[in-house]
PDB file of N, CA and C in Angstrom:
ATOM      1  N   MET A   1     -59.713 -53.972  13.365  1.00  0.00           N
ATOM      2  CA  MET A   1     -58.340 -54.074  13.086  1.00  0.00           C
ATOM      3  C   MET A   1     -57.713 -55.298  13.640  1.00  0.00           C
ATOM      4  N   ALA A   2     -58.438 -55.973  14.823  1.00  0.00           N
ATOM      5  CA  ALA A   2     -57.845 -57.066  15.252  1.00  0.00           C
ATOM      6  C   ALA A   2     -58.299 -58.303  14.321  1.00  0.00           C
ATOM      7  N   ASN A   3     -59.197 -58.254  13.668  1.00  0.00           N
ATOM      8  CA  ASN A   3     -59.589 -59.208  12.802  1.00  0.00           C
ATOM      9  C   ASN A   3     -58.363 -59.266  11.567  1.00  0.00           C
ATOM     10  N   GLU A   4     -57.921 -58.170  11.199  1.00  0.00           N
ATOM     11  CA  GLU A   4     -57.021 -58.133  10.091  1.00  0.00           C
ATOM     12  C   GLU A   4     -55.689 -58.694  10.467  1.00  0.00           C
ATOM     13  N   THR A   5     -55.286 -58.532  11.818  1.00  0.00           N
ATOM     14  CA  THR A   5     -53.870 -59.030  12.116  1.00  0.00           C
ATOM     15  C   THR A   5     -54.053 -60.653  12.540  1.00  0.00           C
ATOM     16  N   LYS A   6     -55.368 -61.176  12.862  1.00  0.00           N
ATOM     17  CA  LYS A   6     -55.364 -62.616  13.017  1.00  0.00           C
ATOM     18  C   LYS A   6     -55.323 -63.222  11.687  1.00  0.00           C
ATOM     19  N   GLY A   7     -56.104 -62.571  10.634  1.00  0.00           N
ATOM     20  CA  GLY A   7     -56.213 -63.091   9.257  1.00  0.00           C
ATOM     21  C   GLY A   7     -55.008 -62.899   8.460  1.00  0.00           C
ATOM     22  N   ASN A   8     -53.971 -62.319   8.772  1.00  0.00           N
ATOM     23  CA  ASN A   8     -52.740 -62.150   7.812  1.00  0.00           C
ATOM     24  C   ASN A   8     -51.546 -62.834   8.267  1.00  0.00           C
ATOM     25  N   TRP A   9     -51.660 -63.725   9.238  1.00  0.00           N
ATOM     26  CA  TRP A   9     -50.548 -64.323   9.865  1.00  0.00           C
ATOM     27  C   TRP A   9     -49.724 -65.249   8.766  1.00  0.00           C
ATOM     28  N   TRP A  10     -50.530 -65.777   7.836  1.00  0.00           N
ATOM     29  CA  TRP A  10     -49.893 -66.682   6.730  1.00  0.00           C
ATOM     30  C   TRP A  10     -48.999 -65.946   5.905  1.00  0.00           C
ATOM     31  N   ILE A  11     -49.322 -64.609   5.727  1.00  0.00           N
ATOM     32  CA  ILE A  11     -48.472 -63.884   4.598  1.00  0.00           C
ATOM     33  C   ILE A  11     -46.982 -63.725   5.385  1.00  0.00           C
ATOM     34  N   TRP A  12     -46.995 -63.650   6.572  1.00  0.00           N
ATOM     35  CA  TRP A  12     -45.803 -63.398   7.308  1.00  0.00           C
ATOM     36  C   TRP A  12     -45.006 -64.633   7.238  1.00  0.00           C
ATOM     37  N   ARG A  13     -45.683 -65.767   7.581  1.00  0.00           N
ATOM     38  CA  ARG A  13     -45.115 -67.271   7.484  1.00  0.00           C
ATOM     39  C   ARG A  13     -44.317 -67.257   6.071  1.00  0.00           C
ATOM     40  N   VAL A  14     -45.066 -66.945   5.043  1.00  0.00           N
ATOM     41  CA  VAL A  14     -44.457 -67.210   3.643  1.00  0.00           C
ATOM     42  C   VAL A  14     -43.361 -66.158   3.524  1.00  0.00           C
ATOM     43  N   PHE A  15     -43.469 -65.051   4.062  1.00  0.00           N
ATOM     44  CA  PHE A  15     -42.322 -63.983   4.094  1.00  0.00           C
ATOM     45  C   PHE A  15     -41.077 -64.492   4.776  1.00  0.00           C
ATOM     46  N   TRP A  16     -41.272 -65.138   5.871  1.00  0.00           N
ATOM     47  CA  TRP A  16     -40.034 -65.559   6.668  1.00  0.00           C
ATOM     48  C   TRP A  16     -39.453 -66.797   5.985  1.00  0.00           C
ATOM     49  N   ILE A  17     -40.307 -67.798   5.458  1.00  0.00           N
ATOM     50  CA  ILE A  17     -39.860 -68.946   4.716  1.00  0.00           C
ATOM     51  C   ILE A  17     -38.979 -68.547   3.499  1.00  0.00           C
ATOM     52  N   LEU A  18     -39.575 -67.732   2.675  1.00  0.00           N
ATOM     53  CA  LEU A  18     -38.831 -67.188   1.442  1.00  0.00           C
ATOM     54  C   LEU A  18     -37.559 -66.273   1.815  1.00  0.00           C
ATOM     55  N   LEU A  19     -37.599 -65.594   2.905  1.00  0.00           N
ATOM     56  CA  LEU A  19     -36.481 -64.816   3.364  1.00  0.00           C
ATOM     57  C   LEU A  19     -35.330 -65.763   3.661  1.00  0.00           C
ATOM     58  N   GLY A  20     -35.874 -66.710   4.492  1.00  0.00           N
ATOM     59  CA  GLY A  20     -34.749 -67.724   4.942  1.00  0.00           C
ATOM     60  C   GLY A  20     -34.058 -68.550   3.819  1.00  0.00           C
ATOM     61  N   ILE A  21     -34.864 -68.766   2.794  1.00  0.00           N
ATOM     62  CA  ILE A  21     -34.337 -69.522   1.613  1.00  0.00           C
ATOM     63  C   ILE A  21     -33.423 -68.485   0.756  1.00  0.00           C
ATOM     64  N   THR A  22     -33.846 -67.440   0.529  1.00  0.00           N
ATOM     65  CA  THR A  22     -33.053 -66.460  -0.127  1.00  0.00           C
ATOM     66  C   THR A  22     -31.702 -66.067   0.631  1.00  0.00           C
ATOM     67  N   ALA A  23     -32.002 -65.856   2.123  1.00  0.00           N
ATOM     68  CA  ALA A  23     -30.665 -65.679   2.767  1.00  0.00           C
ATOM     69  C   ALA A  23     -29.655 -66.773   2.661  1.00  0.00           C
ATOM     70  N   PHE A  24     -30.169 -68.007   2.582  1.00  0.00           N
ATOM     71  CA  PHE A  24     -29.312 -69.034   2.390  1.00  0.00           C
ATOM     72  C   PHE A  24     -28.483 -68.937   1.009  1.00  0.00           C
ATOM     73  N   GLU A  25     -29.429 -68.647   0.079  1.00  0.00           N
ATOM     74  CA  GLU A  25     -28.830 -68.429  -1.253  1.00  0.00           C
ATOM     75  C   GLU A  25     -27.679 -67.482  -1.325  1.00  0.00           C
ATOM     76  N   VAL A  26     -27.967 -66.393  -0.761  1.00  0.00           N
ATOM     77  CA  VAL A  26     -27.111 -65.097  -0.686  1.00  0.00           C
ATOM     78  C   VAL A  26     -25.894 -65.575  -0.013  1.00  0.00           C
ATOM     79  N   GLY A  27     -25.877 -66.183   1.178  1.00  0.00           N
ATOM     80  CA  GLY A  27     -24.978 -66.500   1.972  1.00  0.00           C
ATOM     81  C   GLY A  27     -24.042 -67.637   1.319  1.00  0.00           C
ATOM     82  N   LEU A  28     -24.609 -68.429   0.577  1.00  0.00           N
ATOM     83  CA  LEU A  28     -23.927 -69.542  -0.206  1.00  0.00           C
ATOM     84  C   LEU A  28     -23.160 -68.818  -1.477  1.00  0.00           C
ATOM     85  N   GLY A  29     -23.752 -67.708  -1.938  1.00  0.00           N
ATOM     86  CA  GLY A  29     -23.233 -66.971  -3.187  1.00  0.00           C
ATOM     87  C   GLY A  29     -21.874 -66.312  -2.643  1.00  0.00           C
ATOM     88  N   MET A  30     -22.020 -65.610  -1.396  1.00  0.00           N
ATOM     89  CA  MET A  30     -20.970 -64.981  -0.797  1.00  0.00           C
ATOM     90  C   MET A  30     -19.754 -65.739  -0.255  1.00  0.00           C
ATOM     91  N   ILE A  31     -20.040 -66.954   0.230  1.00  0.00           N
ATOM     92  CA  ILE A  31     -19.012 -67.875   0.664  1.00  0.00           C
ATOM     93  C   ILE A  31     -18.464 -68.618  -0.436  1.00  0.00           C
ATOM     94  N   LYS A  32     -19.192 -69.079  -1.221  1.00  0.00           N
ATOM     95  CA  LYS A  32     -18.724 -69.986  -2.484  1.00  0.00           C
ATOM     96  C   LYS A  32     -17.826 -71.032  -2.028  1.00  0.00           C
ATOM     97  N   PRO A  33     -18.359 -71.979  -1.304  1.00  0.00           N
ATOM     98  CA  PRO A  33     -17.483 -73.091  -0.792  1.00  0.00           C
ATOM     99  C   PRO A  33     -16.784 -73.920  -2.027  1.00  0.00           C
ATOM    100  N   GLU A  34     -15.430 -74.246  -1.636  1.00  0.00           N
ATOM    101  CA  GLU A  34     -14.712 -74.758  -2.911  1.00  0.00           C
ATOM    102  C   GLU A  34     -15.224 -76.117  -3.329  1.00  0.00           C
ATOM    103  N   PHE A  35     -15.917 -76.895  -2.421  1.00  0.00           N
ATOM    104  CA  PHE A  35     -16.383 -78.363  -2.979  1.00  0.00           C
ATOM    105  C   PHE A  35     -17.518 -78.113  -3.792  1.00  0.00           C
ATOM    106  N   LEU A  36     -18.112 -76.960  -3.952  1.00  0.00           N
ATOM    107  CA  LEU A  36     -19.385 -76.603  -4.835  1.00  0.00           C
ATOM    108  C   LEU A  36     -18.916 -76.021  -6.226  1.00  0.00           C
ATOM    109  N   MET A  37     -17.513 -75.970  -6.345  1.00  0.00           N
ATOM    110  CA  MET A  37     -16.847 -75.106  -7.556  1.00  0.00           C
ATOM    111  C   MET A  37     -16.612 -76.125  -8.604  1.00  0.00           C
ATOM    112  N   GLY A  38     -16.920 -77.519  -8.491  1.00  0.00           N
ATOM    113  CA  GLY A  38     -16.628 -78.393  -9.619  1.00  0.00           C
ATOM    114  C   GLY A  38     -17.660 -78.318 -10.738  1.00  0.00           C
ATOM    115  N   GLN A  39     -17.371 -78.989 -11.767  1.00  0.00           N
ATOM    116  CA  GLN A  39     -18.315 -78.969 -12.815  1.00  0.00           C
ATOM    117  C   GLN A  39     -19.219 -80.127 -12.898  1.00  0.00           C
ATOM    118  N   PHE A  40     -20.390 -79.739 -13.439  1.00  0.00           N
ATOM    119  CA  PHE A  40     -21.389 -80.882 -13.552  1.00  0.00           C
ATOM    120  C   PHE A  40     -22.329 -80.505 -14.721  1.00  0.00           C
ATOM    121  N   LEU A  41     -22.568 -81.157 -15.804  1.00  0.00           N
ATOM    122  CA  LEU A  41     -23.230 -80.858 -16.949  1.00  0.00           C
ATOM    123  C   LEU A  41     -22.998 -79.504 -17.581  1.00  0.00           C
ATOM    124  N   GLY A  42     -21.806 -79.074 -17.472  1.00  0.00           N
ATOM    125  CA  GLY A  42     -21.240 -77.816 -18.020  1.00  0.00           C
ATOM    126  C   GLY A  42     -21.384 -76.568 -17.221  1.00  0.00           C
ATOM    127  N   THR A  43     -21.576 -76.679 -15.958  1.00  0.00           N
ATOM    128  CA  THR A  43     -21.705 -75.438 -15.111  1.00  0.00           C
ATOM    129  C   THR A  43     -21.178 -76.004 -13.696  1.00  0.00           C
ATOM    130  N   LYS A  44     -20.902 -75.041 -12.875  1.00  0.00           N
ATOM    131  CA  LYS A  44     -20.708 -75.421 -11.593  1.00  0.00           C
ATOM    132  C   LYS A  44     -21.711 -75.988 -10.691  1.00  0.00           C
ATOM    133  N   ILE A  45     -21.411 -76.628 -10.047  1.00  0.00           N
ATOM    134  CA  ILE A  45     -22.535 -77.275  -8.971  1.00  0.00           C
ATOM    135  C   ILE A  45     -23.171 -76.346  -8.157  1.00  0.00           C
ATOM    136  N   ILE A  46     -22.590 -75.324  -7.647  1.00  0.00           N
ATOM    137  CA  ILE A  46     -23.298 -74.198  -6.989  1.00  0.00           C
ATOM    138  C   ILE A  46     -24.388 -73.441  -7.903  1.00  0.00           C
ATOM    139  N   ASN A  47     -24.281 -73.500  -9.111  1.00  0.00           N
ATOM    140  CA  ASN A  47     -25.365 -72.998  -9.986  1.00  0.00           C
ATOM    141  C   ASN A  47     -26.589 -73.890 -10.060  1.00  0.00           C
ATOM    142  N   HIS A  48     -26.309 -75.171  -9.895  1.00  0.00           N
ATOM    143  CA  HIS A  48     -27.344 -76.237  -9.804  1.00  0.00           C
ATOM    144  C   HIS A  48     -28.075 -76.033  -8.506  1.00  0.00           C
ATOM    145  N   ILE A  49     -27.306 -75.826  -7.583  1.00  0.00           N
ATOM    146  CA  ILE A  49     -28.031 -75.557  -6.218  1.00  0.00           C
ATOM    147  C   ILE A  49     -28.939 -74.383  -6.196  1.00  0.00           C
ATOM    148  N   PHE A  50     -28.476 -73.349  -6.867  1.00  0.00           N
ATOM    149  CA  PHE A  50     -29.314 -72.142  -6.896  1.00  0.00           C
ATOM    150  C   PHE A  50     -30.530 -72.444  -7.900  1.00  0.00           C
ATOM    151  N   ILE A  51     -30.446 -73.099  -8.770  1.00  0.00           N
ATOM    152  CA  ILE A  51     -31.376 -73.382  -9.784  1.00  0.00           C
ATOM    153  C   ILE A  51     -32.446 -74.224  -8.972  1.00  0.00           C
ATOM    154  N   ILE A  52     -32.199 -75.155  -8.192  1.00  0.00           N
ATOM    155  CA  ILE A  52     -33.080 -76.214  -7.471  1.00  0.00           C
ATOM    156  C   ILE A  52     -33.769 -75.233  -6.271  1.00  0.00           C
ATOM    157  N   LEU A  53     -33.093 -74.520  -5.625  1.00  0.00           N
ATOM    158  CA  LEU A  53     -33.699 -73.398  -4.559  1.00  0.00           C
ATOM    159  C   LEU A  53     -34.548 -72.594  -5.191  1.00  0.00           C
ATOM    160  N   THR A  54     -34.387 -72.092  -6.500  1.00  0.00           N
ATOM    161  CA  THR A  54     -35.245 -71.253  -7.072  1.00  0.00           C
ATOM    162  C   THR A  54     -36.519 -71.827  -7.339  1.00  0.00           C
ATOM    163  N   LEU A  55     -36.357 -73.216  -7.999  1.00  0.00           N
ATOM    164  CA  LEU A  55     -37.674 -74.154  -8.276  1.00  0.00           C
ATOM    165  C   LEU A  55     -38.476 -74.285  -7.009  1.00  0.00           C
ATOM    166  N   ILE A  56     -37.915 -74.512  -5.857  1.00  0.00           N
ATOM    167  CA  ILE A  56     -38.563 -74.843  -4.556  1.00  0.00           C
ATOM    168  C   ILE A  56     -39.059 -73.490  -4.150  1.00  0.00           C
ATOM    169  N   LYS A  57     -38.497 -72.294  -4.254  1.00  0.00           N
ATOM    170  CA  LYS A  57     -39.248 -71.175  -4.024  1.00  0.00           C
ATOM    171  C   LYS A  57     -40.493 -70.797  -4.897  1.00  0.00           C
ATOM    172  N   ALA A  58     -40.241 -71.124  -6.226  1.00  0.00           N
ATOM    173  CA  ALA A  58     -41.321 -70.899  -7.260  1.00  0.00           C
ATOM    174  C   ALA A  58     -42.480 -71.887  -6.869  1.00  0.00           C
ATOM    175  N   ALA A  59     -42.241 -73.126  -6.497  1.00  0.00           N
ATOM    176  CA  ALA A  59     -43.315 -74.037  -6.168  1.00  0.00           C
ATOM    177  C   ALA A  59     -44.035 -73.656  -4.891  1.00  0.00           C
ATOM    178  N   TYR A  60     -43.328 -73.074  -4.057  1.00  0.00           N
ATOM    179  CA  TYR A  60     -43.870 -72.734  -2.703  1.00  0.00           C
ATOM    180  C   TYR A  60     -44.882 -71.474  -3.100  1.00  0.00           C
ATOM    181  N   ILE A  61     -44.361 -70.386  -3.674  1.00  0.00           N
ATOM    182  CA  ILE A  61     -45.147 -69.479  -4.064  1.00  0.00           C
ATOM    183  C   ILE A  61     -46.505 -69.828  -4.841  1.00  0.00           C
ATOM    184  N   VAL A  62     -46.281 -70.628  -5.753  1.00  0.00           N
ATOM    185  CA  VAL A  62     -47.553 -71.180  -6.562  1.00  0.00           C
ATOM    186  C   VAL A  62     -48.514 -71.882  -5.508  1.00  0.00           C
ATOM    187  N   MET A  63     -47.951 -72.723  -4.560  1.00  0.00           N
ATOM    188  CA  MET A  63     -48.893 -73.358  -3.570  1.00  0.00           C
ATOM    189  C   MET A  63     -49.548 -72.284  -2.518  1.00  0.00           C
ATOM    190  N   GLU A  64     -48.791 -71.229  -2.261  1.00  0.00           N
ATOM    191  CA  GLU A  64     -49.442 -70.252  -1.136  1.00  0.00           C
ATOM    192  C   GLU A  64     -50.484 -69.344  -1.909  1.00  0.00           C
ATOM    193  N   PHE A  65     -49.855 -68.617  -3.017  1.00  0.00           N
ATOM    194  CA  PHE A  65     -50.540 -67.544  -3.629  1.00  0.00           C
ATOM    195  C   PHE A  65     -51.718 -67.940  -4.654  1.00  0.00           C
ATOM    196  N   MET A  66     -51.602 -69.234  -5.077  1.00  0.00           N
ATOM    197  CA  MET A  66     -52.638 -69.638  -6.011  1.00  0.00           C
ATOM    198  C   MET A  66     -53.531 -70.657  -5.056  1.00  0.00           C
ATOM    199  N   HIS A  67     -53.080 -70.650  -3.987  1.00  0.00           N
ATOM    200  CA  HIS A  67     -54.051 -71.562  -2.992  1.00  0.00           C
ATOM    201  C   HIS A  67     -54.131 -72.944  -3.281  1.00  0.00           C
ATOM    202  N   LEU A  68     -53.125 -73.570  -3.879  1.00  0.00           N
ATOM    203  CA  LEU A  68     -53.020 -74.887  -4.308  1.00  0.00           C
ATOM    204  C   LEU A  68     -52.809 -75.816  -2.988  1.00  0.00           C
ATOM    205  N   GLY A  69     -52.473 -75.252  -2.069  1.00  0.00           N
ATOM    206  CA  GLY A  69     -52.081 -75.996  -0.784  1.00  0.00           C
ATOM    207  C   GLY A  69     -53.300 -76.687  -0.243  1.00  0.00           C
ATOM    208  N   ALA A  70     -54.519 -76.180  -0.470  1.00  0.00           N
ATOM    209  CA  ALA A  70     -55.765 -76.717   0.037  1.00  0.00           C
ATOM    210  C   ALA A  70     -56.319 -77.683  -1.012  1.00  0.00           C
ATOM    211  N   GLU A  71     -55.873 -77.844  -2.243  1.00  0.00           N
ATOM    212  CA  GLU A  71     -56.390 -78.605  -3.205  1.00  0.00           C
ATOM    213  C   GLU A  71     -56.055 -80.074  -3.120  1.00  0.00           C
ATOM    214  N   THR A  72     -56.589 -80.783  -4.008  1.00  0.00           N
ATOM    215  CA  THR A  72     -56.246 -82.334  -4.037  1.00  0.00           C
ATOM    216  C   THR A  72     -54.886 -82.605  -4.446  1.00  0.00           C
ATOM    217  N   LYS A  73     -54.420 -83.630  -4.125  1.00  0.00           N
ATOM    218  CA  LYS A  73     -52.968 -83.975  -4.430  1.00  0.00           C
ATOM    219  C   LYS A  73     -52.602 -83.981  -5.804  1.00  0.00           C
ATOM    220  N   GLY A  74     -53.688 -84.522  -6.519  1.00  0.00           N
ATOM    221  CA  GLY A  74     -53.761 -84.744  -7.968  1.00  0.00           C
ATOM    222  C   GLY A  74     -53.575 -83.345  -8.735  1.00  0.00           C
ATOM    223  N   LEU A  75     -54.541 -82.608  -8.397  1.00  0.00           N
ATOM    224  CA  LEU A  75     -54.629 -81.094  -8.861  1.00  0.00           C
ATOM    225  C   LEU A  75     -53.061 -80.413  -8.626  1.00  0.00           C
ATOM    226  N   ARG A  76     -52.586 -80.542  -7.490  1.00  0.00           N
ATOM    227  CA  ARG A  76     -51.197 -79.915  -7.153  1.00  0.00           C
ATOM    228  C   ARG A  76     -50.171 -80.588  -8.115  1.00  0.00           C
ATOM    229  N   TRP A  77     -50.269 -81.956  -8.411  1.00  0.00           N
ATOM    230  CA  TRP A  77     -49.097 -82.314  -9.269  1.00  0.00           C
ATOM    231  C   TRP A  77     -49.457 -82.260 -10.618  1.00  0.00           C
ATOM    232  N   THR A  78     -50.649 -81.930 -11.058  1.00  0.00           N
ATOM    233  CA  THR A  78     -51.006 -81.564 -12.480  1.00  0.00           C
ATOM    234  C   THR A  78     -50.371 -80.214 -12.662  1.00  0.00           C
ATOM    235  N   ILE A  79     -50.316 -79.363 -11.710  1.00  0.00           N
ATOM    236  CA  ILE A  79     -49.966 -78.123 -12.103  1.00  0.00           C
ATOM    237  C   ILE A  79     -48.340 -77.962 -11.799  1.00  0.00           C
ATOM    238  N   LEU A  80     -47.825 -78.759 -10.852  1.00  0.00           N
ATOM    239  CA  LEU A  80     -46.357 -78.614 -10.442  1.00  0.00           C
ATOM    240  C   LEU A  80     -45.433 -79.602 -11.306  1.00  0.00           C
ATOM    241  N   LEU A  81     -46.119 -80.502 -11.811  1.00  0.00           N
ATOM    242  CA  LEU A  81     -45.092 -81.705 -12.328  1.00  0.00           C
ATOM    243  C   LEU A  81     -44.515 -81.131 -13.689  1.00  0.00           C
ATOM    244  N   PRO A  82     -45.324 -80.545 -14.548  1.00  0.00           N
ATOM    245  CA  PRO A  82     -44.742 -80.135 -15.849  1.00  0.00           C
ATOM    246  C   PRO A  82     -43.633 -79.145 -15.495  1.00  0.00           C
ATOM    247  N   ALA A  83     -43.807 -78.195 -14.575  1.00  0.00           N
ATOM    248  CA  ALA A  83     -42.739 -77.291 -14.274  1.00  0.00           C
ATOM    249  C   ALA A  83     -41.399 -77.934 -13.566  1.00  0.00           C
ATOM    250  N   ILE A  84     -41.754 -78.932 -12.909  1.00  0.00           N
ATOM    251  CA  ILE A  84     -40.551 -79.699 -12.164  1.00  0.00           C
ATOM    252  C   ILE A  84     -39.852 -80.391 -13.228  1.00  0.00           C
ATOM    253  N   ILE A  85     -40.335 -80.940 -14.300  1.00  0.00           N
ATOM    254  CA  ILE A  85     -39.812 -81.704 -15.330  1.00  0.00           C
ATOM    255  C   ILE A  85     -39.169 -80.731 -16.372  1.00  0.00           C
ATOM    256  N   LEU A  86     -40.007 -79.695 -16.914  1.00  0.00           N
ATOM    257  CA  LEU A  86     -39.768 -78.939 -18.207  1.00  0.00           C
ATOM    258  C   LEU A  86     -38.541 -77.850 -17.791  1.00  0.00           C
ATOM    259  N   ILE A  87     -38.728 -77.372 -16.634  1.00  0.00           N
ATOM    260  CA  ILE A  87     -37.599 -76.330 -16.337  1.00  0.00           C
ATOM    261  C   ILE A  87     -36.066 -76.867 -16.186  1.00  0.00           C
ATOM    262  N   PRO A  88     -35.879 -78.006 -15.352  1.00  0.00           N
ATOM    263  CA  PRO A  88     -34.669 -78.699 -15.670  1.00  0.00           C
ATOM    264  C   PRO A  88     -34.242 -79.148 -16.937  1.00  0.00           C
ATOM    265  N   TYR A  89     -35.154 -79.720 -17.741  1.00  0.00           N
ATOM    266  CA  TYR A  89     -34.893 -80.194 -19.030  1.00  0.00           C
ATOM    267  C   TYR A  89     -34.251 -79.036 -19.952  1.00  0.00           C
ATOM    268  N   LEU A  90     -35.110 -77.869 -20.074  1.00  0.00           N
ATOM    269  CA  LEU A  90     -34.743 -76.666 -20.647  1.00  0.00           C
ATOM    270  C   LEU A  90     -33.428 -76.171 -20.268  1.00  0.00           C
ATOM    271  N   LEU A  91     -33.203 -76.127 -18.866  1.00  0.00           N
ATOM    272  CA  LEU A  91     -31.875 -75.608 -18.466  1.00  0.00           C
ATOM    273  C   LEU A  91     -30.783 -76.525 -18.964  1.00  0.00           C
ATOM    274  N   PHE A  92     -31.035 -77.950 -19.080  1.00  0.00           N
ATOM    275  CA  PHE A  92     -30.113 -78.952 -19.309  1.00  0.00           C
ATOM    276  C   PHE A  92     -29.690 -78.496 -20.899  1.00  0.00           C
ATOM    277  N   ILE A  93     -30.795 -78.234 -21.743  1.00  0.00           N
ATOM    278  CA  ILE A  93     -30.454 -78.023 -23.219  1.00  0.00           C
ATOM    279  C   ILE A  93     -29.652 -76.649 -23.367  1.00  0.00           C
ATOM    280  N   VAL A  94     -30.005 -75.647 -22.601  1.00  0.00           N
ATOM    281  CA  VAL A  94     -29.338 -74.362 -22.566  1.00  0.00           C
ATOM    282  C   VAL A  94     -27.953 -74.570 -22.174  1.00  0.00           C
ATOM    283  N   LEU A  95     -27.446 -75.341 -21.081  1.00  0.00           N
ATOM    284  CA  LEU A  95     -26.220 -75.452 -20.501  1.00  0.00           C
ATOM    285  C   LEU A  95     -25.323 -76.302 -21.563  1.00  0.00           C
ATOM    286  N   THR A  96     -26.167 -77.377 -22.143  1.00  0.00           N
ATOM    287  CA  THR A  96     -25.306 -78.403 -23.008  1.00  0.00           C
ATOM    288  C   THR A  96     -24.975 -77.572 -24.437  1.00  0.00           C
ATOM    289  N   GLU A  97     -25.910 -76.878 -24.908  1.00  0.00           N
ATOM    290  CA  GLU A  97     -25.791 -76.139 -26.236  1.00  0.00           C
ATOM    291  C   GLU A  97     -24.647 -74.888 -25.895  1.00  0.00           C
ATOM    292  N   GLY A  98     -24.838 -74.342 -24.683  1.00  0.00           N
ATOM    293  CA  GLY A  98     -23.777 -73.237 -24.456  1.00  0.00           C
ATOM    294  C   GLY A  98     -22.334 -73.716 -24.344  1.00  0.00           C
ATOM    295  N   GLY A  99     -22.332 -74.994 -23.713  1.00  0.00           N
ATOM    296  CA  GLY A  99     -20.991 -75.645 -23.736  1.00  0.00           C
ATOM    297  C   GLY A  99     -20.383 -75.838 -25.114  1.00  0.00           C
ATOM    298  N   TYR A 100     -21.171 -76.431 -25.850  1.00  0.00           N
ATOM    299  CA  TYR A 100     -20.719 -76.486 -27.356  1.00  0.00           C
ATOM    300  C   TYR A 100     -20.372 -75.248 -28.059  1.00  0.00           C
ATOM    301  N   ALA A 101     -21.161 -74.307 -27.773  1.00  0.00           N
ATOM    302  CA  ALA A 101     -20.927 -72.819 -28.359  1.00  0.00           C
ATOM    303  C   ALA A 101     -19.794 -72.365 -28.011  1.00  0.00           C
ATOM    304  N   GLY A 102     -19.319 -72.643 -26.634  1.00  0.00           N
ATOM    305  CA  GLY A 102     -17.938 -72.249 -26.196  1.00  0.00           C
ATOM    306  C   GLY A 102     -16.842 -72.809 -26.760  1.00  0.00           C
ATOM    307  N   LEU A 103     -17.114 -74.235 -27.097  1.00  0.00           N
ATOM    308  CA  LEU A 103     -15.946 -75.078 -27.794  1.00  0.00           C
ATOM    309  C   LEU A 103     -15.649 -74.566 -29.122  1.00  0.00           C
ATOM    310  N   MET A 104     -16.776 -74.052 -29.913  1.00  0.00           N
ATOM    311  CA  MET A 104     -16.637 -73.882 -31.190  1.00  0.00           C
ATOM    312  C   MET A 104     -15.863 -72.392 -31.419  1.00  0.00           C
ATOM    313  N   MET A 105     -15.786 -71.596 -30.544  1.00  0.00           N
ATOM    314  CA  MET A 105     -15.194 -70.231 -30.563  1.00  0.00           C
ATOM    315  C   MET A 105     -13.796 -70.386 -30.484  1.00  0.00           C
TER     316      MET A 105
END
């Protein structure tokens, strides 16, 4: 039993880091600071912050649970870079087209 406790420390570190980021997101969503309510690319700035924090959490989960943290830098970038580029690009397309759809109604 002592070996199980010593071997599972990393899962608790992951838990606390993800909990901290999620708590920050929830707090930000509850407070909704006025300076983050401006428009940028068709949506509020606070929505962009939520998207960025979600991408950070997703990358961290991939690094920890797919054990990419111990791999070479090239392999990490090969897996993470397409997501880092494509997800914001797809979000830009959705937000832009959604803005046009709203104008046409």
